[in-house]
PDB file of N, CA and C in Angstrom:
ATOM      1  N   UNK A   1      88.478 134.977  95.377  1.00  0.00           N
ATOM      2  CA  UNK A   1      89.131 134.083  94.450  1.00  0.00           C
ATOM      3  C   UNK A   1      89.543 132.775  95.112  1.00  0.00           C
ATOM      4  N   UNK A   2      90.002 132.865  96.367  1.00  0.00           N
ATOM      5  CA  UNK A   2      90.456 131.676  97.058  1.00  0.00           C
ATOM      6  C   UNK A   2      89.317 130.693  97.296  1.00  0.00           C
ATOM      7  N   UNK A   3      88.097 131.198  97.478  1.00  0.00           N
ATOM      8  CA  UNK A   3      86.956 130.319  97.687  1.00  0.00           C
ATOM      9  C   UNK A   3      86.635 129.499  96.450  1.00  0.00           C
ATOM     10  N   UNK A   4      86.906 130.022  95.276  1.00  0.00           N
ATOM     11  CA  UNK A   4      86.647 129.284  94.039  1.00  0.00           C
ATOM     12  C   UNK A   4      87.490 128.014  94.000  1.00  0.00           C
ATOM     13  N   UNK A   5      88.754 128.127  94.387  1.00  0.00           N
ATOM     14  CA  UNK A   5      89.626 126.959  94.417  1.00  0.00           C
ATOM     15  C   UNK A   5      89.168 125.923  95.426  1.00  0.00           C
ATOM     16  N   UNK A   6      88.735 126.372  96.602  1.00  0.00           N
ATOM     17  CA  UNK A   6      88.246 125.447  97.626  1.00  0.00           C
ATOM     18  C   UNK A   6      86.970 124.749  97.168  1.00  0.00           C
ATOM     19  N   UNK A   7      86.077 125.520  96.574  1.00  0.00           N
ATOM     20  CA  UNK A   7      84.825 124.939  96.082  1.00  0.00           C
ATOM     21  C   UNK A   7      85.105 123.959  94.949  1.00  0.00           C
ATOM     22  N   UNK A   8      86.025 124.288  94.051  1.00  0.00           N
ATOM     23  CA  UNK A   8      86.385 123.378  92.959  1.00  0.00           C
ATOM     24  C   UNK A   8      86.973 122.090  93.507  1.00  0.00           C
ATOM     25  N   UNK A   9      87.773 122.185  94.569  1.00  0.00           N
ATOM     26  CA  UNK A   9      88.364 120.991  95.176  1.00  0.00           C
ATOM     27  C   UNK A   9      87.283 120.085  95.762  1.00  0.00           C
ATOM     28  N   UNK A  10      86.354 120.670  96.496  1.00  0.00           N
ATOM     29  CA  UNK A  10      85.287 119.878  97.106  1.00  0.00           C
ATOM     30  C   UNK A  10      84.387 119.263  96.033  1.00  0.00           C
ATOM     31  N   UNK A  11      84.029 120.044  95.032  1.00  0.00           N
ATOM     32  CA  UNK A  11      83.185 119.526  93.946  1.00  0.00           C
ATOM     33  C   UNK A  11      83.905 118.404  93.203  1.00  0.00           C
ATOM     34  N   UNK A  12      85.198 118.584  92.949  1.00  0.00           N
ATOM     35  CA  UNK A  12      85.967 117.542  92.268  1.00  0.00           C
ATOM     36  C   UNK A  12      86.001 116.250  93.048  1.00  0.00           C
ATOM     37  N   UNK A  13      86.221 116.337  94.364  1.00  0.00           N
ATOM     38  CA  UNK A  13      86.221 115.124  95.189  1.00  0.00           C
ATOM     39  C   UNK A  13      84.867 114.432  95.191  1.00  0.00           C
ATOM     40  N   UNK A  14      83.804 115.224  95.334  1.00  0.00           N
ATOM     41  CA  UNK A  14      82.453 114.654  95.360  1.00  0.00           C
ATOM     42  C   UNK A  14      82.122 114.000  94.022  1.00  0.00           C
ATOM     43  N   UNK A  15      82.421 114.677  92.935  1.00  0.00           N
ATOM     44  CA  UNK A  15      82.138 114.110  91.608  1.00  0.00           C
ATOM     45  C   UNK A  15      82.964 112.859  91.364  1.00  0.00           C
ATOM     46  N   UNK A  16      84.218 112.855  91.813  1.00  0.00           N
ATOM     47  CA  UNK A  16      85.070 111.674  91.624  1.00  0.00           C
ATOM     48  C   UNK A  16      84.514 110.464  92.362  1.00  0.00           C
ATOM     49  N   UNK A  17      84.017 110.674  93.570  1.00  0.00           N
ATOM     50  CA  UNK A  17      83.469 109.561  94.343  1.00  0.00           C
ATOM     51  C   UNK A  17      82.121 109.115  93.786  1.00  0.00           C
ATOM     52  N   UNK A  18      81.239 110.066  93.522  1.00  0.00           N
ATOM     53  CA  UNK A  18      79.917 109.707  92.994  1.00  0.00           C
ATOM     54  C   UNK A  18      80.041 109.084  91.606  1.00  0.00           C
ATOM     55  N   UNK A  19      80.960 109.601  90.810  1.00  0.00           N
ATOM     56  CA  UNK A  19      81.142 109.084  89.464  1.00  0.00           C
ATOM     57  C   UNK A  19      81.609 107.643  89.418  1.00  0.00           C
ATOM     58  N   UNK A  20      82.211 107.174  90.480  1.00  0.00           N
ATOM     59  CA  UNK A  20      82.663 105.788  90.522  1.00  0.00           C
ATOM     60  C   UNK A  20      81.500 104.806  90.581  1.00  0.00           C
ATOM     61  N   UNK A  21      80.323 105.301  90.884  1.00  0.00           N
ATOM     62  CA  UNK A  21      79.160 104.432  91.010  1.00  0.00           C
ATOM     63  C   UNK A  21      78.170 104.593  89.876  1.00  0.00           C
ATOM     64  N   UNK A  22      78.664 104.995  88.682  1.00  0.00           N
ATOM     65  CA  UNK A  22      77.778 104.900  87.557  1.00  0.00           C
ATOM     66  C   UNK A  22      77.687 106.048  86.581  1.00  0.00           C
ATOM     67  N   UNK A  23      78.418 107.125  86.718  1.00  0.00           N
ATOM     68  CA  UNK A  23      78.353 108.179  85.708  1.00  0.00           C
ATOM     69  C   UNK A  23      79.239 107.768  84.542  1.00  0.00           C
ATOM     70  N   UNK A  24      78.648 107.660  83.381  1.00  0.00           N
ATOM     71  CA  UNK A  24      79.431 107.262  82.215  1.00  0.00           C
ATOM     72  C   UNK A  24      79.285 108.263  81.067  1.00  0.00           C
ATOM     73  N   UNK A  25      79.025 109.497  81.391  1.00  0.00           N
ATOM     74  CA  UNK A  25      78.882 110.534  80.373  1.00  0.00           C
ATOM     75  C   UNK A  25      80.244 110.874  79.779  1.00  0.00           C
ATOM     76  N   UNK A  26      80.241 111.316  78.543  1.00  0.00           N
ATOM     77  CA  UNK A  26      81.498 111.617  77.869  1.00  0.00           C
ATOM     78  C   UNK A  26      82.190 112.844  78.442  1.00  0.00           C
ATOM     79  N   UNK A  27      81.451 113.734  79.075  1.00  0.00           N
ATOM     80  CA  UNK A  27      82.012 114.956  79.644  1.00  0.00           C
ATOM     81  C   UNK A  27      82.613 114.747  81.021  1.00  0.00           C
ATOM     82  N   UNK A  28      82.375 113.597  81.624  1.00  0.00           N
ATOM     83  CA  UNK A  28      82.747 113.369  83.009  1.00  0.00           C
ATOM     84  C   UNK A  28      84.257 113.502  83.252  1.00  0.00           C
ATOM     85  N   UNK A  29      85.049 112.849  82.448  1.00  0.00           N
ATOM     86  CA  UNK A  29      86.510 112.924  82.601  1.00  0.00           C
ATOM     87  C   UNK A  29      87.039 114.328  82.392  1.00  0.00           C
ATOM     88  N   UNK A  30      86.493 115.009  81.388  1.00  0.00           N
ATOM     89  CA  UNK A  30      86.920 116.382  81.126  1.00  0.00           C
ATOM     90  C   UNK A  30      86.564 117.308  82.271  1.00  0.00           C
ATOM     91  N   UNK A  31      85.405 117.104  82.864  1.00  0.00           N
ATOM     92  CA  UNK A  31      84.997 117.940  84.002  1.00  0.00           C
ATOM     93  C   UNK A  31      85.961 117.763  85.166  1.00  0.00           C
ATOM     94  N   UNK A  32      86.383 116.529  85.429  1.00  0.00           N
ATOM     95  CA  UNK A  32      87.337 116.298  86.512  1.00  0.00           C
ATOM     96  C   UNK A  32      88.691 116.937  86.220  1.00  0.00           C
ATOM     97  N   UNK A  33      89.152 116.829  84.981  1.00  0.00           N
ATOM     98  CA  UNK A  33      90.440 117.427  84.627  1.00  0.00           C
ATOM     99  C   UNK A  33      90.372 118.953  84.738  1.00  0.00           C
ATOM    100  N   UNK A  34      89.300 119.558  84.244  1.00  0.00           N
ATOM    101  CA  UNK A  34      89.160 121.021  84.313  1.00  0.00           C
ATOM    102  C   UNK A  34      89.089 121.482  85.767  1.00  0.00           C
ATOM    103  N   UNK A  35      88.354 120.775  86.608  1.00  0.00           N
ATOM    104  CA  UNK A  35      88.316 121.124  88.023  1.00  0.00           C
ATOM    105  C   UNK A  35      89.703 120.982  88.656  1.00  0.00           C
ATOM    106  N   UNK A  36      90.439 119.958  88.249  1.00  0.00           N
ATOM    107  CA  UNK A  36      91.803 119.786  88.749  1.00  0.00           C
ATOM    108  C   UNK A  36      92.716 120.934  88.343  1.00  0.00           C
ATOM    109  N   UNK A  37      92.561 121.412  87.123  1.00  0.00           N
ATOM    110  CA  UNK A  37      93.364 122.548  86.659  1.00  0.00           C
ATOM    111  C   UNK A  37      93.033 123.800  87.482  1.00  0.00           C
ATOM    112  N   UNK A  38      91.751 124.011  87.759  1.00  0.00           N
ATOM    113  CA  UNK A  38      91.343 125.149  88.587  1.00  0.00           C
ATOM    114  C   UNK A  38      91.963 125.035  89.978  1.00  0.00           C
ATOM    115  N   UNK A  39      91.922 123.850  90.548  1.00  0.00           N
ATOM    116  CA  UNK A  39      92.519 123.632  91.866  1.00  0.00           C
ATOM    117  C   UNK A  39      94.023 123.877  91.821  1.00  0.00           C
ATOM    118  N   UNK A  40      94.680 123.409  90.776  1.00  0.00           N
ATOM    119  CA  UNK A  40      96.119 123.619  90.654  1.00  0.00           C
ATOM    120  C   UNK A  40      96.496 125.083  90.579  1.00  0.00           C
ATOM    121  N   UNK A  41      95.710 125.865  89.869  1.00  0.00           N
ATOM    122  CA  UNK A  41      95.976 127.294  89.758  1.00  0.00           C
ATOM    123  C   UNK A  41      95.671 128.045  91.053  1.00  0.00           C
ATOM    124  N   UNK A  42      94.593 127.677  91.723  1.00  0.00           N
ATOM    125  CA  UNK A  42      94.085 128.525  92.797  1.00  0.00           C
ATOM    126  C   UNK A  42      94.382 128.038  94.207  1.00  0.00           C
ATOM    127  N   UNK A  43      94.674 126.770  94.397  1.00  0.00           N
ATOM    128  CA  UNK A  43      94.793 126.257  95.763  1.00  0.00           C
ATOM    129  C   UNK A  43      96.206 125.974  96.225  1.00  0.00           C
ATOM    130  N   UNK A  44      97.136 125.827  95.343  1.00  0.00           N
ATOM    131  CA  UNK A  44      98.475 125.394  95.738  1.00  0.00           C
ATOM    132  C   UNK A  44      99.411 126.595  95.700  1.00  0.00           C
ATOM    133  N   UNK A  45      99.891 126.977  96.882  1.00  0.00           N
ATOM    134  CA  UNK A  45     100.818 128.110  96.976  1.00  0.00           C
ATOM    135  C   UNK A  45     102.239 127.615  96.696  1.00  0.00           C
ATOM    136  N   UNK A  46     103.147 128.524  96.391  1.00  0.00           N
ATOM    137  CA  UNK A  46     104.532 128.108  96.127  1.00  0.00           C
ATOM    138  C   UNK A  46     105.171 127.328  97.283  1.00  0.00           C
ATOM    139  N   UNK A  47     104.797 127.632  98.510  1.00  0.00           N
ATOM    140  CA  UNK A  47     105.371 126.892  99.637  1.00  0.00           C
ATOM    141  C   UNK A  47     104.803 125.483  99.762  1.00  0.00           C
ATOM    142  N   UNK A  48     103.655 125.223  99.163  1.00  0.00           N
ATOM    143  CA  UNK A  48     103.025 123.900  99.218  1.00  0.00           C
ATOM    144  C   UNK A  48     103.344 123.027  98.002  1.00  0.00           C
ATOM    145  N   UNK A  49     104.072 123.577  97.049  1.00  0.00           N
ATOM    146  CA  UNK A  49     104.272 122.895  95.770  1.00  0.00           C
ATOM    147  C   UNK A  49     104.935 121.538  95.928  1.00  0.00           C
ATOM    148  N   UNK A  50     106.050 121.475  96.647  1.00  0.00           N
ATOM    149  CA  UNK A  50     106.788 120.212  96.752  1.00  0.00           C
ATOM    150  C   UNK A  50     105.942 119.117  97.394  1.00  0.00           C
ATOM    151  N   UNK A  51     105.307 119.402  98.510  1.00  0.00           N
ATOM    152  CA  UNK A  51     104.470 118.411  99.173  1.00  0.00           C
ATOM    153  C   UNK A  51     103.293 117.976  98.322  1.00  0.00           C
ATOM    154  N   UNK A  52     102.682 118.934  97.619  1.00  0.00           N
ATOM    155  CA  UNK A  52     101.548 118.611  96.757  1.00  0.00           C
ATOM    156  C   UNK A  52     101.977 117.694  95.617  1.00  0.00           C
ATOM    157  N   UNK A  53     103.114 118.012  94.994  1.00  0.00           N
ATOM    158  CA  UNK A  53     103.580 117.182  93.886  1.00  0.00           C
ATOM    159  C   UNK A  53     103.939 115.771  94.348  1.00  0.00           C
ATOM    160  N   UNK A  54     104.576 115.648  95.498  1.00  0.00           N
ATOM    161  CA  UNK A  54     104.931 114.321  96.012  1.00  0.00           C
ATOM    162  C   UNK A  54     103.674 113.520  96.339  1.00  0.00           C
ATOM    163  N   UNK A  55     102.730 114.142  97.044  1.00  0.00           N
ATOM    164  CA  UNK A  55     101.497 113.445  97.392  1.00  0.00           C
ATOM    165  C   UNK A  55     100.679 113.095  96.150  1.00  0.00           C
ATOM    166  N   UNK A  56     100.616 114.022  95.202  1.00  0.00           N
ATOM    167  CA  UNK A  56      99.879 113.764  93.967  1.00  0.00           C
ATOM    168  C   UNK A  56     100.484 112.639  93.155  1.00  0.00           C
ATOM    169  N   UNK A  57     101.798 112.622  93.043  1.00  0.00           N
ATOM    170  CA  UNK A  57     102.457 111.542  92.294  1.00  0.00           C
ATOM    171  C   UNK A  57     102.273 110.197  92.996  1.00  0.00           C
ATOM    172  N   UNK A  58     102.337 110.190  94.325  1.00  0.00           N
ATOM    173  CA  UNK A  58     102.123 108.945  95.064  1.00  0.00           C
ATOM    174  C   UNK A  58     100.716 108.410  94.823  1.00  0.00           C
ATOM    175  N   UNK A  59      99.734 109.294  94.840  1.00  0.00           N
ATOM    176  CA  UNK A  59      98.367 108.860  94.588  1.00  0.00           C
ATOM    177  C   UNK A  59      98.193 108.380  93.149  1.00  0.00           C
ATOM    178  N   UNK A  60      98.754 109.107  92.207  1.00  0.00           N
ATOM    179  CA  UNK A  60      98.626 108.710  90.806  1.00  0.00           C
ATOM    180  C   UNK A  60      99.293 107.357  90.541  1.00  0.00           C
ATOM    181  N   UNK A  61     100.409 107.103  91.186  1.00  0.00           N
ATOM    182  CA  UNK A  61     101.113 105.833  90.973  1.00  0.00           C
ATOM    183  C   UNK A  61     100.443 104.657  91.682  1.00  0.00           C
ATOM    184  N   UNK A  62      99.733 104.925  92.759  1.00  0.00           N
ATOM    185  CA  UNK A  62      99.124 103.837  93.519  1.00  0.00           C
ATOM    186  C   UNK A  62      97.628 103.684  93.251  1.00  0.00           C
ATOM    187  N   UNK A  63      97.116 104.305  92.224  1.00  0.00           N
ATOM    188  CA  UNK A  63      95.671 104.335  91.983  1.00  0.00           C
ATOM    189  C   UNK A  63      95.065 102.947  91.794  1.00  0.00           C
ATOM    190  N   UNK A  64      95.761 102.041  91.186  1.00  0.00           N
ATOM    191  CA  UNK A  64      95.177 100.724  90.920  1.00  0.00           C
ATOM    192  C   UNK A  64      95.640  99.658  91.907  1.00  0.00           C
ATOM    193  N   UNK A  65      96.411 100.022  92.906  1.00  0.00           N
ATOM    194  CA  UNK A  65      96.960  99.036  93.833  1.00  0.00           C
ATOM    195  C   UNK A  65      95.903  98.400  94.729  1.00  0.00           C
ATOM    196  N   UNK A  66      94.783  99.059  94.941  1.00  0.00           N
ATOM    197  CA  UNK A  66      93.762  98.554  95.858  1.00  0.00           C
ATOM    198  C   UNK A  66      92.706  97.718  95.153  1.00  0.00           C
ATOM    199  N   UNK A  67      92.912  97.402  93.912  1.00  0.00           N
ATOM    200  CA  UNK A  67      91.939  96.660  93.120  1.00  0.00           C
ATOM    201  C   UNK A  67      91.730  95.240  93.647  1.00  0.00           C
ATOM    202  N   UNK A  68      92.700  94.658  94.324  1.00  0.00           N
ATOM    203  CA  UNK A  68      92.610  93.268  94.752  1.00  0.00           C
ATOM    204  C   UNK A  68      91.819  93.031  96.024  1.00  0.00           C
ATOM    205  N   UNK A  69      91.311  94.057  96.665  1.00  0.00           N
ATOM    206  CA  UNK A  69      90.542  93.877  97.897  1.00  0.00           C
ATOM    207  C   UNK A  69      89.182  93.277  97.539  1.00  0.00           C
ATOM    208  N   UNK A  70      88.835  92.150  98.160  1.00  0.00           N
ATOM    209  CA  UNK A  70      87.555  91.507  97.831  1.00  0.00           C
ATOM    210  C   UNK A  70      86.358  92.402  98.139  1.00  0.00           C
ATOM    211  N   UNK A  71      85.349  92.346  97.299  1.00  0.00           N
ATOM    212  CA  UNK A  71      84.056  93.011  97.419  1.00  0.00           C
ATOM    213  C   UNK A  71      84.099  94.525  97.188  1.00  0.00           C
ATOM    214  N   UNK A  72      85.094  95.217  97.666  1.00  0.00           N
ATOM    215  CA  UNK A  72      85.136  96.673  97.524  1.00  0.00           C
ATOM    216  C   UNK A  72      86.263  97.152  96.618  1.00  0.00           C
ATOM    217  N   UNK A  73      87.121  96.261  96.192  1.00  0.00           N
ATOM    218  CA  UNK A  73      88.280  96.640  95.395  1.00  0.00           C
ATOM    219  C   UNK A  73      87.923  97.338  94.098  1.00  0.00           C
ATOM    220  N   UNK A  74      86.886  96.858  93.421  1.00  0.00           N
ATOM    221  CA  UNK A  74      86.484  97.483  92.159  1.00  0.00           C
ATOM    222  C   UNK A  74      85.975  98.907  92.373  1.00  0.00           C
ATOM    223  N   UNK A  75      85.221  99.115  93.435  1.00  0.00           N
ATOM    224  CA  UNK A  75      84.707 100.458  93.732  1.00  0.00           C
ATOM    225  C   UNK A  75      85.841 101.399  94.136  1.00  0.00           C
ATOM    226  N   UNK A  76      86.741 100.904  94.964  1.00  0.00           N
ATOM    227  CA  UNK A  76      87.877 101.729  95.381  1.00  0.00           C
ATOM    228  C   UNK A  76      88.749 102.062  94.176  1.00  0.00           C
ATOM    229  N   UNK A  77      88.939 101.094  93.306  1.00  0.00           N
ATOM    230  CA  UNK A  77      89.733 101.327  92.097  1.00  0.00           C
ATOM    231  C   UNK A  77      89.069 102.364  91.194  1.00  0.00           C
ATOM    232  N   UNK A  78      87.748 102.328  91.075  1.00  0.00           N
ATOM    233  CA  UNK A  78      87.033 103.308  90.258  1.00  0.00           C
ATOM    234  C   UNK A  78      87.150 104.707  90.873  1.00  0.00           C
ATOM    235  N   UNK A  79      87.044 104.797  92.197  1.00  0.00           N
ATOM    236  CA  UNK A  79      87.207 106.090  92.866  1.00  0.00           C
ATOM    237  C   UNK A  79      88.615 106.618  92.647  1.00  0.00           C
ATOM    238  N   UNK A  80      89.618 105.759  92.808  1.00  0.00           N
ATOM    239  CA  UNK A  80      91.004 106.172  92.631  1.00  0.00           C
ATOM    240  C   UNK A  80      91.270 106.581  91.180  1.00  0.00           C
ATOM    241  N   UNK A  81      90.643 105.902  90.241  1.00  0.00           N
ATOM    242  CA  UNK A  81      90.795 106.269  88.842  1.00  0.00           C
ATOM    243  C   UNK A  81      90.237 107.666  88.578  1.00  0.00           C
ATOM    244  N   UNK A  82      89.075 107.955  89.142  1.00  0.00           N
ATOM    245  CA  UNK A  82      88.486 109.287  88.999  1.00  0.00           C
ATOM    246  C   UNK A  82      89.329 110.342  89.705  1.00  0.00           C
ATOM    247  N   UNK A  83      89.842 110.017  90.888  1.00  0.00           N
ATOM    248  CA  UNK A  83      90.729 110.943  91.587  1.00  0.00           C
ATOM    249  C   UNK A  83      92.000 111.193  90.781  1.00  0.00           C
ATOM    250  N   UNK A  84      92.451 110.183  90.054  1.00  0.00           N
ATOM    251  CA  UNK A  84      93.628 110.363  89.200  1.00  0.00           C
ATOM    252  C   UNK A  84      93.360 111.380  88.099  1.00  0.00           C
ATOM    253  N   UNK A  85      92.178 111.344  87.523  1.00  0.00           N
ATOM    254  CA  UNK A  85      91.817 112.345  86.519  1.00  0.00           C
ATOM    255  C   UNK A  85      91.791 113.736  87.138  1.00  0.00           C
ATOM    256  N   UNK A  86      91.159 113.837  88.301  1.00  0.00           N
ATOM    257  CA  UNK A  86      91.021 115.114  88.992  1.00  0.00           C
ATOM    258  C   UNK A  86      92.384 115.658  89.420  1.00  0.00           C
ATOM    259  N   UNK A  87      93.158 114.844  90.103  1.00  0.00           N
ATOM    260  CA  UNK A  87      94.451 115.310  90.603  1.00  0.00           C
ATOM    261  C   UNK A  87      95.507 115.389  89.503  1.00  0.00           C
ATOM    262  N   UNK A  88      95.323 114.620  88.444  1.00  0.00           N
ATOM    263  CA  UNK A  88      96.269 114.693  87.333  1.00  0.00           C
ATOM    264  C   UNK A  88      96.325 116.082  86.723  1.00  0.00           C
ATOM    265  N   UNK A  89      95.173 116.708  86.564  1.00  0.00           N
ATOM    266  CA  UNK A  89      95.141 118.082  86.053  1.00  0.00           C
ATOM    267  C   UNK A  89      95.817 119.053  86.993  1.00  0.00           C
ATOM    268  N   UNK A  90      95.565 118.883  88.292  1.00  0.00           N
ATOM    269  CA  UNK A  90      96.177 119.776  89.280  1.00  0.00           C
ATOM    270  C   UNK A  90      97.684 119.569  89.345  1.00  0.00           C
ATOM    271  N   UNK A  91      98.124 118.313  89.362  1.00  0.00           N
ATOM    272  CA  UNK A  91      99.561 118.023  89.436  1.00  0.00           C
ATOM    273  C   UNK A  91     100.273 118.556  88.201  1.00  0.00           C
ATOM    274  N   UNK A  92      99.663 118.416  87.043  1.00  0.00           N
ATOM    275  CA  UNK A  92     100.264 118.910  85.808  1.00  0.00           C
ATOM    276  C   UNK A  92     100.472 120.426  85.876  1.00  0.00           C
ATOM    277  N   UNK A  93      99.434 121.151  86.285  1.00  0.00           N
ATOM    278  CA  UNK A  93      99.520 122.616  86.353  1.00  0.00           C
ATOM    279  C   UNK A  93     100.555 123.048  87.388  1.00  0.00           C
ATOM    280  N   UNK A  94     100.541 122.434  88.561  1.00  0.00           N
ATOM    281  CA  UNK A  94     101.494 122.799  89.613  1.00  0.00           C
ATOM    282  C   UNK A  94     102.920 122.495  89.170  1.00  0.00           C
ATOM    283  N   UNK A  95     103.120 121.382  88.484  1.00  0.00           N
ATOM    284  CA  UNK A  95     104.460 121.047  87.993  1.00  0.00           C
ATOM    285  C   UNK A  95     104.941 122.057  86.949  1.00  0.00           C
ATOM    286  N   UNK A  96     104.065 122.454  86.046  1.00  0.00           N
ATOM    287  CA  UNK A  96     104.433 123.452  85.032  1.00  0.00           C
ATOM    288  C   UNK A  96     104.755 124.784  85.701  1.00  0.00           C
ATOM    289  N   UNK A  97     103.933 125.208  86.654  1.00  0.00           N
ATOM    290  CA  UNK A  97     104.196 126.467  87.352  1.00  0.00           C
ATOM    291  C   UNK A  97     105.512 126.391  88.124  1.00  0.00           C
ATOM    292  N   UNK A  98     105.806 125.243  88.706  1.00  0.00           N
ATOM    293  CA  UNK A  98     107.068 125.070  89.431  1.00  0.00           C
ATOM    294  C   UNK A  98     108.258 125.139  88.489  1.00  0.00           C
ATOM    295  N   UNK A  99     108.122 124.565  87.311  1.00  0.00           N
ATOM    296  CA  UNK A  99     109.214 124.636  86.315  1.00  0.00           C
ATOM    297  C   UNK A  99     109.466 126.070  85.879  1.00  0.00           C
ATOM    298  N   UNK A 100     108.399 126.813  85.634  1.00  0.00           N
ATOM    299  CA  UNK A 100     108.574 128.217  85.250  1.00  0.00           C
ATOM    300  C   UNK A 100     109.193 129.033  86.375  1.00  0.00           C
ATOM    301  N   UNK A 101     108.786 128.736  87.621  1.00  0.00           N
ATOM    302  CA  UNK A 101     109.370 129.437  88.760  1.00  0.00           C
ATOM    303  C   UNK A 101     110.853 129.108  88.893  1.00  0.00           C
ATOM    304  N   UNK A 102     111.218 127.868  88.670  1.00  0.00           N
ATOM    305  CA  UNK A 102     112.640 127.481  88.717  1.00  0.00           C
ATOM    306  C   UNK A 102     113.441 128.158  87.617  1.00  0.00           C
ATOM    307  N   UNK A 103     112.847 128.300  86.455  1.00  0.00           N
ATOM    308  CA  UNK A 103     113.536 128.944  85.336  1.00  0.00           C
ATOM    309  C   UNK A 103     113.739 130.431  85.591  1.00  0.00           C
ATOM    310  N   UNK A 104     112.790 131.063  86.310  1.00  0.00           N
ATOM    311  CA  UNK A 104     112.922 132.476  86.633  1.00  0.00           C
ATOM    312  C   UNK A 104     114.019 132.755  87.648  1.00  0.00           C
ATOM    313  N   UNK A 105     114.221 131.802  88.553  1.00  0.00           N
ATOM    314  CA  UNK A 105     115.211 132.017  89.632  1.00  0.00           C
ATOM    315  C   UNK A 105     116.592 131.853  89.186  1.00  0.00           C
TER     316      UNK A 105
END
């Protein structure tokens, strides 16, 4: 089971980067979100939750900050946008699981 989460993470990263250079299919965003949800369920342990949420929120908030770099800014921004879709699903699931864990305690 743990390998599924690792494979989903690697596939999500690869698709996010490759997708920045021209994939415009309607399923593309949904595929990244679904892979992110799988990663959130399978890869983040309770001890990693706080660090994952902080890092994920930092990435989501800074996704468009690199747009101003000449020549490569648009590509970096597209990659970060795709990573936001991918990690957004994972951050959402981990945050919900953390809330339920807090409510149980």
